[in-house]
Amino acid sequence: MTGEAAVWEAQPGVVRPGSRNGFSIRPMPHLAEYGALFAAAFLSATIFPFQSEAVLFGMLAAEHYSGWLLILVASLGNILGSVVNWVLGRSFSHFEERRWFPVKRKQMARAEAWYRRYGRWTLLLSWVPVVGDPLTIVAGVLREPLPVFVVLVTLAKTGRYLAVGALSLGWT
């Protein structure tokens, strides 16, 4: 099963040879590749400079994978990375003057100004390079409720990946 992972599939009342307690193993192709896309999307939403769009575009262009599943995996990874930023902002804002803090003061001040001026709707720009990540941290610092944060970030991040999908697969 190179490049594949096993998935346990329950079949109540059915015990097959080689199975345990009614569970059989069936291969799930490309799990490692989907996992790599998830990691790329997660990292690109955090403090690390990474281009998950390029990874997604390449995987879509390869036509070996389900386009909708790729967009879902990339979106989930990117949204979860943004939630990590929100938690960082909520929990660690008193460390912002430290060298290791993920966002420099100048970026943070610009993001705070946008956020104070336009409110939570600025989270719809969380997909934008350079300003998007600081906005998600600022949302945590300014105590944006997590459910509202997740809804707005989900719209922004998924919209971006849908646009990448549309461009690479010709959905226009």
Protein backbone atom coordinates (compact mmCIF):
# COMPACT_ATOMS: atom_id res chain seq x y z
CA MET A 1 0.00 0.00 0.00
CA THR A 2 2.60 2.58 -0.99
CA GLY A 3 1.18 6.10 -0.81
CA GLU A 4 -2.05 4.78 0.64
CA ALA A 5 -3.40 4.57 4.15
CA ALA A 6 -5.84 2.10 5.56
CA VAL A 7 -9.33 3.09 6.54
CA TRP A 8 -11.37 0.98 8.92
CA GLU A 9 -14.81 0.33 7.55
CA ALA A 10 -17.47 -1.00 9.90
CA GLN A 11 -19.88 -3.57 8.57
CA PRO A 12 -22.21 -4.53 11.42
CA GLY A 13 -22.98 -8.22 11.59
CA VAL A 14 -20.49 -9.09 8.85
CA VAL A 15 -17.27 -10.81 9.77
CA ARG A 16 -14.98 -11.40 6.83
CA PRO A 17 -11.81 -13.42 6.71
CA GLY A 18 -8.91 -11.22 7.75
CA SER A 19 -11.15 -8.80 9.61
CA ARG A 20 -11.62 -8.21 13.29
CA ASN A 21 -15.03 -7.80 14.86
CA GLY A 22 -16.69 -6.84 11.58
CA PHE A 23 -14.10 -4.21 10.56
CA SER A 24 -12.25 -4.56 7.32
CA ILE A 25 -9.36 -2.55 5.98
CA ARG A 26 -9.70 -0.83 2.62
CA PRO A 27 -7.02 1.41 1.13
CA MET A 28 -7.50 5.18 0.97
CA PRO A 29 -5.36 6.41 -1.91
CA HIS A 30 -3.31 9.60 -1.70
CA LEU A 31 -3.76 10.17 2.04
CA ALA A 32 -0.14 11.33 2.37
CA GLU A 33 -0.58 13.87 -0.44
CA TYR A 34 -3.79 15.22 1.08
CA GLY A 35 -1.98 15.41 4.42
CA ALA A 36 0.85 17.39 2.81
CA LEU A 37 -1.67 19.84 1.33
CA PHE A 38 -3.33 20.20 4.75
CA ALA A 39 0.07 20.92 6.33
CA ALA A 40 0.97 23.45 3.62
CA ALA A 41 -2.36 25.25 4.06
CA PHE A 42 -2.05 25.17 7.85
CA LEU A 43 1.49 26.56 7.81
CA SER A 44 0.65 29.26 5.28
CA ALA A 45 -2.07 30.58 7.62
CA THR A 46 0.35 30.83 10.53
CA ILE A 47 3.59 32.74 10.91
CA PHE A 48 5.49 30.70 8.33
CA PRO A 49 5.84 32.09 4.82
CA PHE A 50 4.36 29.38 2.64
CA GLN A 51 2.32 29.34 -0.57
CA SER A 52 -0.40 26.75 -0.23
CA GLU A 53 -2.10 28.07 -3.37
CA ALA A 54 0.85 26.84 -5.45
CA VAL A 55 0.60 23.39 -3.85
CA LEU A 56 -3.16 23.28 -4.44
CA PHE A 57 -2.77 24.51 -8.03
CA GLY A 58 -0.17 21.83 -8.76
CA MET A 59 -2.30 19.07 -7.27
CA LEU A 60 -5.36 20.24 -9.19
CA ALA A 61 -3.35 20.41 -12.41
CA ALA A 62 -2.10 16.84 -11.87
CA GLU A 63 -5.71 15.61 -12.15
CA HIS A 64 -4.98 12.63 -9.88
CA TYR A 65 -7.12 13.89 -7.04
CA SER A 66 -10.67 14.96 -6.35
CA GLY A 67 -10.82 18.73 -6.91
CA TRP A 68 -13.53 19.25 -4.30
CA LEU A 69 -11.66 17.17 -1.74
CA LEU A 70 -8.46 19.15 -2.38
CA ILE A 71 -10.32 22.43 -1.85
CA LEU A 72 -11.92 21.07 1.33
CA VAL A 73 -8.60 19.84 2.75
CA ALA A 74 -6.79 23.10 1.92
CA SER A 75 -9.63 25.16 3.39
CA LEU A 76 -9.72 23.15 6.63
CA GLY A 77 -5.96 23.39 7.07
CA ASN A 78 -5.95 27.13 6.41
CA ILE A 79 -8.92 27.80 8.70
CA LEU A 80 -7.33 25.78 11.50
CA GLY A 81 -4.09 27.74 11.06
CA SER A 82 -6.06 30.97 11.41
CA VAL A 83 -7.69 29.66 14.58
CA VAL A 84 -4.19 29.07 15.94
CA ASN A 85 -3.42 32.74 15.16
CA TRP A 86 -6.61 33.79 16.96
CA VAL A 87 -5.55 31.75 20.01
CA LEU A 88 -2.07 33.30 19.85
CA GLY A 89 -3.60 36.78 19.75
CA ARG A 90 -5.98 36.00 22.58
CA SER A 91 -3.40 34.34 24.79
CA PHE A 92 -0.05 35.85 24.02
CA SER A 93 -0.62 39.48 23.06
CA HIS A 94 1.45 40.64 26.02
CA PHE A 95 4.48 39.09 24.30
CA GLU A 96 4.19 41.20 21.13
CA GLU A 97 7.41 43.14 21.81
CA ARG A 98 9.45 39.93 21.91
CA ARG A 99 11.57 39.05 18.89
CA TRP A 100 9.96 35.65 18.44
CA PHE A 101 6.41 37.02 18.33
CA PRO A 102 4.93 36.11 14.91
CA VAL A 103 3.85 39.62 13.86
CA LYS A 104 5.94 42.78 14.04
CA ARG A 105 4.50 45.81 15.84
CA LYS A 106 4.16 47.83 12.61
CA GLN A 107 2.09 45.06 10.96
CA MET A 108 0.04 44.69 14.14
CA ALA A 109 -0.67 48.44 14.35
CA ARG A 110 -1.82 48.51 10.72
CA ALA A 111 -4.06 45.47 11.24
CA GLU A 112 -5.49 46.94 14.47
CA ALA A 113 -6.28 50.21 12.69
CA TRP A 114 -8.12 48.34 9.92
CA TYR A 115 -9.92 46.20 12.46
CA ARG A 116 -10.98 49.15 14.61
CA ARG A 117 -12.11 51.14 11.57
CA TYR A 118 -13.99 48.42 9.67
CA GLY A 119 -14.73 45.92 12.44
CA ARG A 120 -15.03 42.20 12.15
CA TRP A 121 -15.72 42.42 8.41
CA THR A 122 -11.99 42.89 7.87
CA LEU A 123 -11.71 39.17 8.53
CA LEU A 124 -13.07 38.69 5.02
CA LEU A 125 -9.58 39.89 3.99
CA SER A 126 -7.86 37.17 6.02
CA TRP A 127 -6.91 35.45 2.75
CA VAL A 128 -4.82 38.44 1.58
CA PRO A 129 -1.05 37.92 1.83
CA VAL A 130 0.86 40.04 4.38
CA VAL A 131 -2.21 41.57 6.11
CA GLY A 132 -4.40 38.47 6.49
CA ASP A 133 -2.36 36.70 9.16
CA PRO A 134 -1.98 39.79 11.37
CA LEU A 135 -5.74 40.39 11.08
CA THR A 136 -6.46 36.95 12.50
CA ILE A 137 -4.08 37.59 15.40
CA VAL A 138 -5.64 41.02 16.02
CA ALA A 139 -9.07 39.39 16.11
CA GLY A 140 -7.83 37.32 19.02
CA VAL A 141 -6.20 40.29 20.73
CA LEU A 142 -9.43 42.30 20.44
CA ARG A 143 -11.48 39.34 21.70
CA GLU A 144 -13.56 38.66 18.60
CA PRO A 145 -15.95 35.79 19.50
CA LEU A 146 -14.62 32.52 18.07
CA PRO A 147 -17.85 31.47 16.27
CA VAL A 148 -18.04 34.78 14.38
CA PHE A 149 -14.32 34.57 13.64
CA VAL A 150 -14.62 31.04 12.24
CA VAL A 151 -17.58 31.90 9.99
CA LEU A 152 -15.90 34.96 8.45
CA VAL A 153 -12.50 33.29 8.05
CA THR A 154 -14.16 30.21 6.53
CA LEU A 155 -15.88 32.36 3.91
CA ALA A 156 -12.62 34.15 3.07
CA LYS A 157 -10.28 31.17 3.01
CA THR A 158 -12.66 28.81 1.20
CA GLY A 159 -13.49 31.53 -1.33
CA ARG A 160 -9.82 31.92 -2.14
CA TYR A 161 -9.34 28.19 -2.70
CA LEU A 162 -12.49 28.03 -4.81
CA ALA A 163 -11.00 30.79 -6.96
CA VAL A 164 -7.74 28.81 -7.31
CA GLY A 165 -9.81 25.77 -8.27
CA ALA A 166 -11.79 27.76 -10.81
CA LEU A 167 -8.63 29.12 -12.40
CA SER A 168 -6.77 25.82 -12.52
CA LEU A 169 -9.67 23.63 -13.61
CA GLY A 170 -11.38 26.09 -15.91
CA TRP A 171 -14.63 26.31 -13.91
CA THR A 172 -15.31 29.77 -15.30
